[in-house]
């Protein structure tokens, strides 16, 4: 029982320390937010067409893995500027800045 109390005490100290230094925590978890952006893309553009709900009700989303890097960057940029028409992609691409667009397209090129 004493060990459990000591563990909870250290967890409490650690959390208190983290709340005091929020900037340090944001730098630690910045990669996790980038991973969430990747998961948003993989939600529709995965190769598993059996479990993808968009393919059942709407349309088959294109396969973007191993595409040309310039094509991926330019197409996301066009979705961001509302030059291409897709409701989902227009909304999602507005949350991406240009560094995120480049990182996502580079990852999808090398996937």
PDB file of N, CA and C in Angstrom:
ATOM      1  N   UNK A   1       0.821  -1.194   0.000  1.00  0.00           N
ATOM      2  CA  UNK A   1       0.000   0.000   0.000  1.00  0.00           C
ATOM      3  C   UNK A   1       0.864   1.257   0.000  1.00  0.00           C
ATOM      4  N   UNK A   2       1.949   1.201   0.712  1.00  0.00           N
ATOM      5  CA  UNK A   2       2.846   2.347   0.770  1.00  0.00           C
ATOM      6  C   UNK A   2       3.453   2.645  -0.604  1.00  0.00           C
ATOM      7  N   UNK A   3       3.759   1.605  -1.351  1.00  0.00           N
ATOM      8  CA  UNK A   3       4.357   1.787  -2.680  1.00  0.00           C
ATOM      9  C   UNK A   3       3.369   2.472  -3.610  1.00  0.00           C
ATOM     10  N   UNK A   4       2.115   2.115  -3.527  1.00  0.00           N
ATOM     11  CA  UNK A   4       1.092   2.740  -4.371  1.00  0.00           C
ATOM     12  C   UNK A   4       0.953   4.221  -4.026  1.00  0.00           C
ATOM     13  N   UNK A   5       0.994   4.551  -2.744  1.00  0.00           N
ATOM     14  CA  UNK A   5       0.918   5.960  -2.353  1.00  0.00           C
ATOM     15  C   UNK A   5       2.117   6.742  -2.867  1.00  0.00           C
ATOM     16  N   UNK A   6       3.280   6.139  -2.818  1.00  0.00           N
ATOM     17  CA  UNK A   6       4.488   6.809  -3.319  1.00  0.00           C
ATOM     18  C   UNK A   6       4.393   7.020  -4.822  1.00  0.00           C
ATOM     19  N   UNK A   7       3.888   6.036  -5.533  1.00  0.00           N
ATOM     20  CA  UNK A   7       3.739   6.167  -6.989  1.00  0.00           C
ATOM     21  C   UNK A   7       2.756   7.281  -7.322  1.00  0.00           C
ATOM     22  N   UNK A   8       1.623   7.328  -6.634  1.00  0.00           N
ATOM     23  CA  UNK A   8       0.656   8.393  -6.887  1.00  0.00           C
ATOM     24  C   UNK A   8       1.212   9.764  -6.516  1.00  0.00           C
ATOM     25  N   UNK A   9       2.018   9.808  -5.499  1.00  0.00           N
ATOM     26  CA  UNK A   9       2.653  11.071  -5.116  1.00  0.00           C
ATOM     27  C   UNK A   9       3.585  11.568  -6.219  1.00  0.00           C
ATOM     28  N   UNK A  10       4.384  10.673  -6.782  1.00  0.00           N
ATOM     29  CA  UNK A  10       5.288  11.078  -7.859  1.00  0.00           C
ATOM     30  C   UNK A  10       4.524  11.459  -9.124  1.00  0.00           C
ATOM     31  N   UNK A  11       3.426  10.774  -9.379  1.00  0.00           N
ATOM     32  CA  UNK A  11       2.597  11.144 -10.530  1.00  0.00           C
ATOM     33  C   UNK A  11       2.010  12.534 -10.322  1.00  0.00           C
ATOM     34  N   UNK A  12       1.547  12.817  -9.119  1.00  0.00           N
ATOM     35  CA  UNK A  12       1.002  14.141  -8.825  1.00  0.00           C
ATOM     36  C   UNK A  12       2.068  15.223  -8.979  1.00  0.00           C
ATOM     37  N   UNK A  13       3.265  14.971  -8.489  1.00  0.00           N
ATOM     38  CA  UNK A  13       4.366  15.938  -8.624  1.00  0.00           C
ATOM     39  C   UNK A  13       4.702  16.156 -10.092  1.00  0.00           C
ATOM     40  N   UNK A  14       4.723  15.062 -10.844  1.00  0.00           N
ATOM     41  CA  UNK A  14       5.038  15.165 -12.265  1.00  0.00           C
ATOM     42  C   UNK A  14       3.986  15.989 -12.998  1.00  0.00           C
ATOM     43  N   UNK A  15       2.705  15.754 -12.717  1.00  0.00           N
ATOM     44  CA  UNK A  15       1.645  16.514 -13.368  1.00  0.00           C
ATOM     45  C   UNK A  15       1.677  17.982 -12.962  1.00  0.00           C
ATOM     46  N   UNK A  16       1.949  18.236 -11.724  1.00  0.00           N
ATOM     47  CA  UNK A  16       2.054  19.619 -11.275  1.00  0.00           C
ATOM     48  C   UNK A  16       3.215  20.321 -11.964  1.00  0.00           C
ATOM     49  N   UNK A  17       4.318  19.639 -12.100  1.00  0.00           N
ATOM     50  CA  UNK A  17       5.475  20.195 -12.799  1.00  0.00           C
ATOM     51  C   UNK A  17       5.147  20.462 -14.262  1.00  0.00           C
ATOM     52  N   UNK A  18       4.367  19.576 -14.873  1.00  0.00           N
ATOM     53  CA  UNK A  18       4.013  19.753 -16.279  1.00  0.00           C
ATOM     54  C   UNK A  18       3.089  20.946 -16.477  1.00  0.00           C
ATOM     55  N   UNK A  19       2.172  21.161 -15.573  1.00  0.00           N
ATOM     56  CA  UNK A  19       1.278  22.301 -15.723  1.00  0.00           C
ATOM     57  C   UNK A  19       2.011  23.623 -15.546  1.00  0.00           C
ATOM     58  N   UNK A  20       3.083  23.611 -14.798  1.00  0.00           N
ATOM     59  CA  UNK A  20       3.855  24.841 -14.632  1.00  0.00           C
ATOM     60  C   UNK A  20       4.649  25.192 -15.880  1.00  0.00           C
ATOM     61  N   UNK A  21       5.040  24.189 -16.634  1.00  0.00           N
ATOM     62  CA  UNK A  21       5.869  24.415 -17.818  1.00  0.00           C
ATOM     63  C   UNK A  21       5.143  23.884 -19.047  1.00  0.00           C
ATOM     64  N   UNK A  22       4.134  24.598 -19.493  1.00  0.00           N
ATOM     65  CA  UNK A  22       3.321  24.133 -20.614  1.00  0.00           C
ATOM     66  C   UNK A  22       4.077  24.176 -21.932  1.00  0.00           C
ATOM     67  N   UNK A  23       4.990  25.114 -22.077  1.00  0.00           N
ATOM     68  CA  UNK A  23       5.722  25.206 -23.334  1.00  0.00           C
ATOM     69  C   UNK A  23       6.589  23.974 -23.559  1.00  0.00           C
ATOM     70  N   UNK A  24       7.175  23.475 -22.513  1.00  0.00           N
ATOM     71  CA  UNK A  24       8.004  22.273 -22.635  1.00  0.00           C
ATOM     72  C   UNK A  24       7.141  21.082 -23.036  1.00  0.00           C
ATOM     73  N   UNK A  25       5.958  20.992 -22.466  1.00  0.00           N
ATOM     74  CA  UNK A  25       5.071  19.880 -22.795  1.00  0.00           C
ATOM     75  C   UNK A  25       4.600  19.944 -24.233  1.00  0.00           C
ATOM     76  N   UNK A  26       4.323  21.136 -24.716  1.00  0.00           N
ATOM     77  CA  UNK A  26       3.869  21.245 -26.096  1.00  0.00           C
ATOM     78  C   UNK A  26       4.958  20.800 -27.061  1.00  0.00           C
ATOM     79  N   UNK A  27       6.197  21.098 -26.744  1.00  0.00           N
ATOM     80  CA  UNK A  27       7.282  20.637 -27.607  1.00  0.00           C
ATOM     81  C   UNK A  27       7.399  19.117 -27.581  1.00  0.00           C
ATOM     82  N   UNK A  28       7.124  18.523 -26.440  1.00  0.00           N
ATOM     83  CA  UNK A  28       7.202  17.069 -26.356  1.00  0.00           C
ATOM     84  C   UNK A  28       6.109  16.410 -27.183  1.00  0.00           C
ATOM     85  N   UNK A  29       4.908  16.947 -27.119  1.00  0.00           N
ATOM     86  CA  UNK A  29       3.770  16.308 -27.759  1.00  0.00           C
ATOM     87  C   UNK A  29       3.459  16.869 -29.140  1.00  0.00           C
ATOM     88  N   UNK A  30       4.370  17.611 -29.699  1.00  0.00           N
ATOM     89  CA  UNK A  30       4.131  18.183 -31.017  1.00  0.00           C
ATOM     90  C   UNK A  30       4.068  17.092 -32.081  1.00  0.00           C
ATOM     91  N   UNK A  31       4.872  16.072 -31.953  1.00  0.00           N
ATOM     92  CA  UNK A  31       4.846  14.978 -32.919  1.00  0.00           C
ATOM     93  C   UNK A  31       3.527  14.226 -32.872  1.00  0.00           C
ATOM     94  N   UNK A  32       2.892  14.183 -31.725  1.00  0.00           N
ATOM     95  CA  UNK A  32       1.601  13.516 -31.628  1.00  0.00           C
ATOM     96  C   UNK A  32       0.537  14.256 -32.428  1.00  0.00           C
ATOM     97  N   UNK A  33       0.570  15.584 -32.441  1.00  0.00           N
ATOM     98  CA  UNK A  33      -0.398  16.346 -33.223  1.00  0.00           C
ATOM     99  C   UNK A  33      -0.173  16.139 -34.715  1.00  0.00           C
ATOM    100  N   UNK A  34       1.073  16.002 -35.137  1.00  0.00           N
ATOM    101  CA  UNK A  34       1.334  15.688 -36.536  1.00  0.00           C
ATOM    102  C   UNK A  34       0.813  14.301 -36.884  1.00  0.00           C
ATOM    103  N   UNK A  35       0.916  13.386 -35.953  1.00  0.00           N
ATOM    104  CA  UNK A  35       0.404  12.044 -36.196  1.00  0.00           C
ATOM    105  C   UNK A  35      -1.113  12.045 -36.337  1.00  0.00           C
ATOM    106  N   UNK A  36      -1.800  12.921 -35.630  1.00  0.00           N
ATOM    107  CA  UNK A  36      -3.251  13.035 -35.777  1.00  0.00           C
ATOM    108  C   UNK A  36      -3.620  13.515 -37.177  1.00  0.00           C
ATOM    109  N   UNK A  37      -2.813  14.388 -37.743  1.00  0.00           N
ATOM    110  CA  UNK A  37      -3.082  14.851 -39.105  1.00  0.00           C
ATOM    111  C   UNK A  37      -2.893  13.733 -40.116  1.00  0.00           C
ATOM    112  N   UNK A  38      -1.927  12.878 -39.862  1.00  0.00           N
ATOM    113  CA  UNK A  38      -1.725  11.733 -40.744  1.00  0.00           C
ATOM    114  C   UNK A  38      -2.915  10.785 -40.653  1.00  0.00           C
ATOM    115  N   UNK A  39      -3.432  10.588 -39.463  1.00  0.00           N
ATOM    116  CA  UNK A  39      -4.574   9.689 -39.294  1.00  0.00           C
ATOM    117  C   UNK A  39      -5.826  10.231 -39.963  1.00  0.00           C
ATOM    118  N   UNK A  40      -5.962  11.541 -40.030  1.00  0.00           N
ATOM    119  CA  UNK A  40      -7.103  12.123 -40.737  1.00  0.00           C
ATOM    120  C   UNK A  40      -7.037  11.764 -42.212  1.00  0.00           C
ATOM    121  N   UNK A  41      -5.851  11.809 -42.782  1.00  0.00           N
ATOM    122  CA  UNK A  41      -5.700  11.442 -44.194  1.00  0.00           C
ATOM    123  C   UNK A  41      -5.953   9.953 -44.412  1.00  0.00           C
ATOM    124  N   UNK A  42      -5.433   9.151 -43.503  1.00  0.00           N
ATOM    125  CA  UNK A  42      -5.572   7.708 -43.674  1.00  0.00           C
ATOM    126  C   UNK A  42      -6.988   7.220 -43.399  1.00  0.00           C
ATOM    127  N   UNK A  43      -7.810   8.046 -42.828  1.00  0.00           N
ATOM    128  CA  UNK A  43      -9.185   7.651 -42.567  1.00  0.00           C
ATOM    129  C   UNK A  43      -9.931   7.368 -43.866  1.00  0.00           C
ATOM    130  N   UNK A  44      -9.728   8.174 -44.869  1.00  0.00           N
ATOM    131  CA  UNK A  44     -10.421   7.978 -46.147  1.00  0.00           C
ATOM    132  C   UNK A  44      -9.538   7.333 -47.208  1.00  0.00           C
ATOM    133  N   UNK A  45      -8.265   7.627 -47.186  1.00  0.00           N
ATOM    134  CA  UNK A  45      -7.381   7.211 -48.271  1.00  0.00           C
ATOM    135  C   UNK A  45      -6.613   5.941 -47.972  1.00  0.00           C
ATOM    136  N   UNK A  46      -7.132   5.110 -47.125  1.00  0.00           N
ATOM    137  CA  UNK A  46      -6.432   3.854 -46.878  1.00  0.00           C
ATOM    138  C   UNK A  46      -6.770   2.853 -47.970  1.00  0.00           C
ATOM    139  N   UNK A  47      -6.028   1.788 -48.030  1.00  0.00           N
ATOM    140  CA  UNK A  47      -6.253   0.771 -49.058  1.00  0.00           C
ATOM    141  C   UNK A  47      -7.280  -0.269 -48.651  1.00  0.00           C
ATOM    142  N   UNK A  48      -7.724  -0.224 -47.438  1.00  0.00           N
ATOM    143  CA  UNK A  48      -8.701  -1.194 -46.972  1.00  0.00           C
ATOM    144  C   UNK A  48     -10.096  -0.709 -47.362  1.00  0.00           C
ATOM    145  N   UNK A  49     -10.563  -1.118 -48.525  1.00  0.00           N
ATOM    146  CA  UNK A  49     -11.844  -0.629 -49.017  1.00  0.00           C
ATOM    147  C   UNK A  49     -13.033  -1.320 -48.364  1.00  0.00           C
ATOM    148  N   UNK A  50     -12.800  -2.346 -47.586  1.00  0.00           N
ATOM    149  CA  UNK A  50     -13.923  -3.058 -46.985  1.00  0.00           C
ATOM    150  C   UNK A  50     -14.441  -2.356 -45.740  1.00  0.00           C
ATOM    151  N   UNK A  51     -13.551  -1.735 -44.994  1.00  0.00           N
ATOM    152  CA  UNK A  51     -13.962  -1.099 -43.744  1.00  0.00           C
ATOM    153  C   UNK A  51     -14.140   0.404 -43.872  1.00  0.00           C
ATOM    154  N   UNK A  52     -13.905   0.942 -45.032  1.00  0.00           N
ATOM    155  CA  UNK A  52     -13.979   2.382 -45.209  1.00  0.00           C
ATOM    156  C   UNK A  52     -15.427   2.784 -45.450  1.00  0.00           C
ATOM    157  N   UNK A  53     -15.974   3.605 -44.571  1.00  0.00           N
ATOM    158  CA  UNK A  53     -17.397   3.947 -44.660  1.00  0.00           C
ATOM    159  C   UNK A  53     -17.677   4.901 -45.819  1.00  0.00           C
ATOM    160  N   UNK A  54     -16.700   5.689 -46.235  1.00  0.00           N
ATOM    161  CA  UNK A  54     -16.922   6.595 -47.360  1.00  0.00           C
ATOM    162  C   UNK A  54     -17.108   5.832 -48.660  1.00  0.00           C
ATOM    163  N   UNK A  55     -16.463   4.709 -48.796  1.00  0.00           N
ATOM    164  CA  UNK A  55     -16.594   3.938 -50.022  1.00  0.00           C
ATOM    165  C   UNK A  55     -17.943   3.245 -50.116  1.00  0.00           C
ATOM    166  N   UNK A  56     -18.556   2.992 -48.998  1.00  0.00           N
ATOM    167  CA  UNK A  56     -19.848   2.314 -49.017  1.00  0.00           C
ATOM    168  C   UNK A  56     -20.956   3.290 -49.419  1.00  0.00           C
ATOM    169  N   UNK A  57     -20.936   4.494 -48.870  1.00  0.00           N
ATOM    170  CA  UNK A  57     -22.047   5.414 -49.069  1.00  0.00           C
ATOM    171  C   UNK A  57     -21.792   6.468 -50.141  1.00  0.00           C
ATOM    172  N   UNK A  58     -20.573   6.892 -50.319  1.00  0.00           N
ATOM    173  CA  UNK A  58     -20.338   8.021 -51.205  1.00  0.00           C
ATOM    174  C   UNK A  58     -19.568   7.621 -52.458  1.00  0.00           C
ATOM    175  N   UNK A  59     -18.291   7.498 -52.364  1.00  0.00           N
ATOM    176  CA  UNK A  59     -17.461   7.188 -53.521  1.00  0.00           C
ATOM    177  C   UNK A  59     -16.147   6.619 -53.030  1.00  0.00           C
ATOM    178  N   UNK A  60     -15.412   6.034 -53.933  1.00  0.00           N
ATOM    179  CA  UNK A  60     -14.102   5.515 -53.571  1.00  0.00           C
ATOM    180  C   UNK A  60     -13.101   6.657 -53.606  1.00  0.00           C
ATOM    181  N   UNK A  61     -12.435   6.842 -52.518  1.00  0.00           N
ATOM    182  CA  UNK A  61     -11.418   7.888 -52.468  1.00  0.00           C
ATOM    183  C   UNK A  61     -10.173   7.399 -53.206  1.00  0.00           C
ATOM    184  N   UNK A  62      -9.460   8.295 -53.853  1.00  0.00           N
ATOM    185  CA  UNK A  62      -8.294   7.862 -54.642  1.00  0.00           C
ATOM    186  C   UNK A  62      -7.154   7.369 -53.760  1.00  0.00           C
ATOM    187  N   UNK A  63      -6.347   6.517 -54.341  1.00  0.00           N
ATOM    188  CA  UNK A  63      -5.170   6.016 -53.638  1.00  0.00           C
ATOM    189  C   UNK A  63      -4.065   7.054 -53.793  1.00  0.00           C
ATOM    190  N   UNK A  64      -3.594   7.578 -52.687  1.00  0.00           N
ATOM    191  CA  UNK A  64      -2.586   8.637 -52.746  1.00  0.00           C
ATOM    192  C   UNK A  64      -1.210   8.154 -52.329  1.00  0.00           C
ATOM    193  N   UNK A  65      -1.078   6.878 -52.055  1.00  0.00           N
ATOM    194  CA  UNK A  65       0.229   6.357 -51.671  1.00  0.00           C
ATOM    195  C   UNK A  65       1.112   6.225 -52.905  1.00  0.00           C
ATOM    196  N   UNK A  66       2.360   6.598 -52.754  1.00  0.00           N
ATOM    197  CA  UNK A  66       3.380   6.488 -53.791  1.00  0.00           C
ATOM    198  C   UNK A  66       3.019   7.295 -55.043  1.00  0.00           C
ATOM    199  N   UNK A  67       2.388   8.424 -54.856  1.00  0.00           N
ATOM    200  CA  UNK A  67       2.126   9.340 -55.956  1.00  0.00           C
ATOM    201  C   UNK A  67       3.297  10.309 -56.096  1.00  0.00           C
ATOM    202  N   UNK A  68       3.227  11.117 -57.129  1.00  0.00           N
ATOM    203  CA  UNK A  68       4.262  12.118 -57.332  1.00  0.00           C
ATOM    204  C   UNK A  68       4.170  13.176 -56.229  1.00  0.00           C
ATOM    205  N   UNK A  69       5.328  13.600 -55.742  1.00  0.00           N
ATOM    206  CA  UNK A  69       5.362  14.537 -54.619  1.00  0.00           C
ATOM    207  C   UNK A  69       4.774  15.893 -55.005  1.00  0.00           C
ATOM    208  N   UNK A  70       5.124  16.378 -56.183  1.00  0.00           N
ATOM    209  CA  UNK A  70       4.596  17.677 -56.623  1.00  0.00           C
ATOM    210  C   UNK A  70       3.084  17.625 -56.836  1.00  0.00           C
ATOM    211  N   UNK A  71       2.607  16.504 -57.323  1.00  0.00           N
ATOM    212  CA  UNK A  71       1.166  16.349 -57.509  1.00  0.00           C
ATOM    213  C   UNK A  71       0.418  16.410 -56.179  1.00  0.00           C
ATOM    214  N   UNK A  72       0.950  15.742 -55.178  1.00  0.00           N
ATOM    215  CA  UNK A  72       0.289  15.736 -53.871  1.00  0.00           C
ATOM    216  C   UNK A  72       0.278  17.124 -53.239  1.00  0.00           C
ATOM    217  N   UNK A  73       1.410  17.807 -53.313  1.00  0.00           N
ATOM    218  CA  UNK A  73       1.486  19.158 -52.732  1.00  0.00           C
ATOM    219  C   UNK A  73       0.538  20.102 -53.459  1.00  0.00           C
ATOM    220  N   UNK A  74       0.561  20.037 -54.781  1.00  0.00           N
ATOM    221  CA  UNK A  74      -0.265  20.957 -55.563  1.00  0.00           C
ATOM    222  C   UNK A  74      -1.753  20.659 -55.395  1.00  0.00           C
ATOM    223  N   UNK A  75      -2.121  19.400 -55.304  1.00  0.00           N
ATOM    224  CA  UNK A  75      -3.538  19.080 -55.153  1.00  0.00           C
ATOM    225  C   UNK A  75      -4.065  19.501 -53.776  1.00  0.00           C
ATOM    226  N   UNK A  76      -3.273  19.310 -52.730  1.00  0.00           N
ATOM    227  CA  UNK A  76      -3.717  19.767 -51.405  1.00  0.00           C
ATOM    228  C   UNK A  76      -3.779  21.288 -51.368  1.00  0.00           C
ATOM    229  N   UNK A  77      -2.846  21.929 -52.054  1.00  0.00           N
ATOM    230  CA  UNK A  77      -2.874  23.394 -52.131  1.00  0.00           C
ATOM    231  C   UNK A  77      -4.128  23.875 -52.866  1.00  0.00           C
ATOM    232  N   UNK A  78      -4.514  23.183 -53.920  1.00  0.00           N
ATOM    233  CA  UNK A  78      -5.732  23.566 -54.640  1.00  0.00           C
ATOM    234  C   UNK A  78      -6.987  23.322 -53.806  1.00  0.00           C
ATOM    235  N   UNK A  79      -6.995  22.273 -53.042  1.00  0.00           N
ATOM    236  CA  UNK A  79      -8.112  22.064 -52.121  1.00  0.00           C
ATOM    237  C   UNK A  79      -8.157  23.153 -51.059  1.00  0.00           C
ATOM    238  N   UNK A  80      -7.003  23.594 -50.641  1.00  0.00           N
ATOM    239  CA  UNK A  80      -6.945  24.648 -49.623  1.00  0.00           C
ATOM    240  C   UNK A  80      -7.489  25.968 -50.158  1.00  0.00           C
ATOM    241  N   UNK A  81      -7.251  26.240 -51.430  1.00  0.00           N
ATOM    242  CA  UNK A  81      -7.727  27.477 -52.059  1.00  0.00           C
ATOM    243  C   UNK A  81      -9.107  27.337 -52.699  1.00  0.00           C
ATOM    244  N   UNK A  82      -9.784  26.192 -52.489  1.00  0.00           N
ATOM    245  CA  UNK A  82     -11.123  25.909 -53.026  1.00  0.00           C
ATOM    246  C   UNK A  82     -11.154  25.917 -54.549  1.00  0.00           C
ATOM    247  N   UNK A  83     -10.070  25.527 -55.178  1.00  0.00           N
ATOM    248  CA  UNK A  83     -10.046  25.396 -56.632  1.00  0.00           C
ATOM    249  C   UNK A  83     -10.491  24.017 -57.086  1.00  0.00           C
ATOM    250  N   UNK A  84     -10.376  23.038 -56.219  1.00  0.00           N
ATOM    251  CA  UNK A  84     -10.894  21.702 -56.487  1.00  0.00           C
ATOM    252  C   UNK A  84     -12.076  21.460 -55.557  1.00  0.00           C
ATOM    253  N   UNK A  85     -13.019  20.672 -56.022  1.00  0.00           N
ATOM    254  CA  UNK A  85     -14.275  20.518 -55.286  1.00  0.00           C
ATOM    255  C   UNK A  85     -14.353  19.176 -54.571  1.00  0.00           C
ATOM    256  N   UNK A  86     -14.221  19.242 -53.287  1.00  0.00           N
ATOM    257  CA  UNK A  86     -14.503  18.120 -52.404  1.00  0.00           C
ATOM    258  C   UNK A  86     -14.740  18.717 -51.024  1.00  0.00           C
ATOM    259  N   UNK A  87     -15.891  18.463 -50.477  1.00  0.00           N
ATOM    260  CA  UNK A  87     -16.260  19.108 -49.221  1.00  0.00           C
ATOM    261  C   UNK A  87     -15.312  18.698 -48.107  1.00  0.00           C
ATOM    262  N   UNK A  88     -15.028  17.403 -48.032  1.00  0.00           N
ATOM    263  CA  UNK A  88     -14.160  16.922 -46.958  1.00  0.00           C
ATOM    264  C   UNK A  88     -12.746  17.464 -47.100  1.00  0.00           C
ATOM    265  N   UNK A  89     -12.224  17.392 -48.302  1.00  0.00           N
ATOM    266  CA  UNK A  89     -10.835  17.827 -48.496  1.00  0.00           C
ATOM    267  C   UNK A  89     -10.688  19.332 -48.333  1.00  0.00           C
ATOM    268  N   UNK A  90     -11.689  20.094 -48.713  1.00  0.00           N
ATOM    269  CA  UNK A  90     -11.617  21.542 -48.502  1.00  0.00           C
ATOM    270  C   UNK A  90     -11.589  21.892 -47.024  1.00  0.00           C
ATOM    271  N   UNK A  91     -12.370  21.193 -46.240  1.00  0.00           N
ATOM    272  CA  UNK A  91     -12.393  21.468 -44.798  1.00  0.00           C
ATOM    273  C   UNK A  91     -11.099  21.016 -44.136  1.00  0.00           C
ATOM    274  N   UNK A  92     -10.639  19.823 -44.479  1.00  0.00           N
ATOM    275  CA  UNK A  92      -9.439  19.282 -43.839  1.00  0.00           C
ATOM    276  C   UNK A  92      -8.201  20.069 -44.230  1.00  0.00           C
ATOM    277  N   UNK A  93      -8.100  20.456 -45.478  1.00  0.00           N
ATOM    278  CA  UNK A  93      -6.884  21.145 -45.929  1.00  0.00           C
ATOM    279  C   UNK A  93      -6.766  22.553 -45.364  1.00  0.00           C
ATOM    280  N   UNK A  94      -7.856  23.130 -44.914  1.00  0.00           N
ATOM    281  CA  UNK A  94      -7.749  24.456 -44.297  1.00  0.00           C
ATOM    282  C   UNK A  94      -7.061  24.417 -42.945  1.00  0.00           C
ATOM    283  N   UNK A  95      -7.012  23.268 -42.320  1.00  0.00           N
ATOM    284  CA  UNK A  95      -6.317  23.142 -41.043  1.00  0.00           C
ATOM    285  C   UNK A  95      -4.825  22.881 -41.208  1.00  0.00           C
ATOM    286  N   UNK A  96      -4.368  22.714 -42.426  1.00  0.00           N
ATOM    287  CA  UNK A  96      -2.960  22.409 -42.672  1.00  0.00           C
ATOM    288  C   UNK A  96      -2.226  23.662 -43.121  1.00  0.00           C
ATOM    289  N   UNK A  97      -1.068  23.888 -42.561  1.00  0.00           N
ATOM    290  CA  UNK A  97      -0.215  24.941 -43.101  1.00  0.00           C
ATOM    291  C   UNK A  97       0.693  24.319 -44.155  1.00  0.00           C
ATOM    292  N   UNK A  98       1.568  25.116 -44.740  1.00  0.00           N
ATOM    293  CA  UNK A  98       2.340  24.630 -45.876  1.00  0.00           C
ATOM    294  C   UNK A  98       3.420  23.638 -45.457  1.00  0.00           C
ATOM    295  N   UNK A  99       3.919  23.779 -44.259  1.00  0.00           N
ATOM    296  CA  UNK A  99       4.905  22.804 -43.771  1.00  0.00           C
ATOM    297  C   UNK A  99       4.230  21.457 -43.536  1.00  0.00           C
ATOM    298  N   UNK A 100       3.008  21.482 -43.004  1.00  0.00           N
ATOM    299  CA  UNK A 100       2.270  20.233 -42.809  1.00  0.00           C
ATOM    300  C   UNK A 100       1.925  19.578 -44.137  1.00  0.00           C
ATOM    301  N   UNK A 101       1.596  20.382 -45.128  1.00  0.00           N
ATOM    302  CA  UNK A 101       1.290  19.835 -46.449  1.00  0.00           C
ATOM    303  C   UNK A 101       2.504  19.134 -47.024  1.00  0.00           C
ATOM    304  N   UNK A 102       3.656  19.763 -46.889  1.00  0.00           N
ATOM    305  CA  UNK A 102       4.872  19.140 -47.405  1.00  0.00           C
ATOM    306  C   UNK A 102       5.206  17.868 -46.637  1.00  0.00           C
ATOM    307  N   UNK A 103       5.081  17.901 -45.325  1.00  0.00           N
ATOM    308  CA  UNK A 103       5.402  16.712 -44.527  1.00  0.00           C
ATOM    309  C   UNK A 103       4.448  15.557 -44.815  1.00  0.00           C
ATOM    310  N   UNK A 104       3.173  15.863 -44.956  1.00  0.00           N
ATOM    311  CA  UNK A 104       2.209  14.809 -45.260  1.00  0.00           C
ATOM    312  C   UNK A 104       2.440  14.211 -46.637  1.00  0.00           C
ATOM    313  N   UNK A 105       2.693  15.060 -47.610  1.00  0.00           N
ATOM    314  CA  UNK A 105       2.912  14.547 -48.958  1.00  0.00           C
ATOM    315  C   UNK A 105       4.207  13.747 -49.045  1.00  0.00           C
ATOM    316  N   UNK A 106       5.227  14.168 -48.310  1.00  0.00           N
ATOM    317  CA  UNK A 106       6.472  13.402 -48.289  1.00  0.00           C
ATOM    318  C   UNK A 106       6.265  12.045 -47.626  1.00  0.00           C
ATOM    319  N   UNK A 107       5.487  12.012 -46.583  1.00  0.00           N
ATOM    320  CA  UNK A 107       5.198  10.738 -45.934  1.00  0.00           C
ATOM    321  C   UNK A 107       4.394   9.825 -46.854  1.00  0.00           C
ATOM    322  N   UNK A 108       3.408  10.372 -47.537  1.00  0.00           N
ATOM    323  CA  UNK A 108       2.593   9.553 -48.423  1.00  0.00           C
ATOM    324  C   UNK A 108       3.367   9.091 -49.645  1.00  0.00           C
ATOM    325  N   UNK A 109       4.341   9.873 -50.054  1.00  0.00           N
ATOM    326  CA  UNK A 109       5.202   9.443 -51.153  1.00  0.00           C
ATOM    327  C   UNK A 109       6.056   8.253 -50.738  1.00  0.00           C
ATOM    328  N   UNK A 110       6.530   8.266 -49.510  1.00  0.00           N
ATOM    329  CA  UNK A 110       7.426   7.211 -49.034  1.00  0.00           C
ATOM    330  C   UNK A 110       6.691   6.079 -48.341  1.00  0.00           C
ATOM    331  N   UNK A 111       5.382   6.132 -48.298  1.00  0.00           N
ATOM    332  CA  UNK A 111       4.612   5.130 -47.549  1.00  0.00           C
ATOM    333  C   UNK A 111       4.675   3.782 -48.234  1.00  0.00           C
TER     334      UNK A 111
END
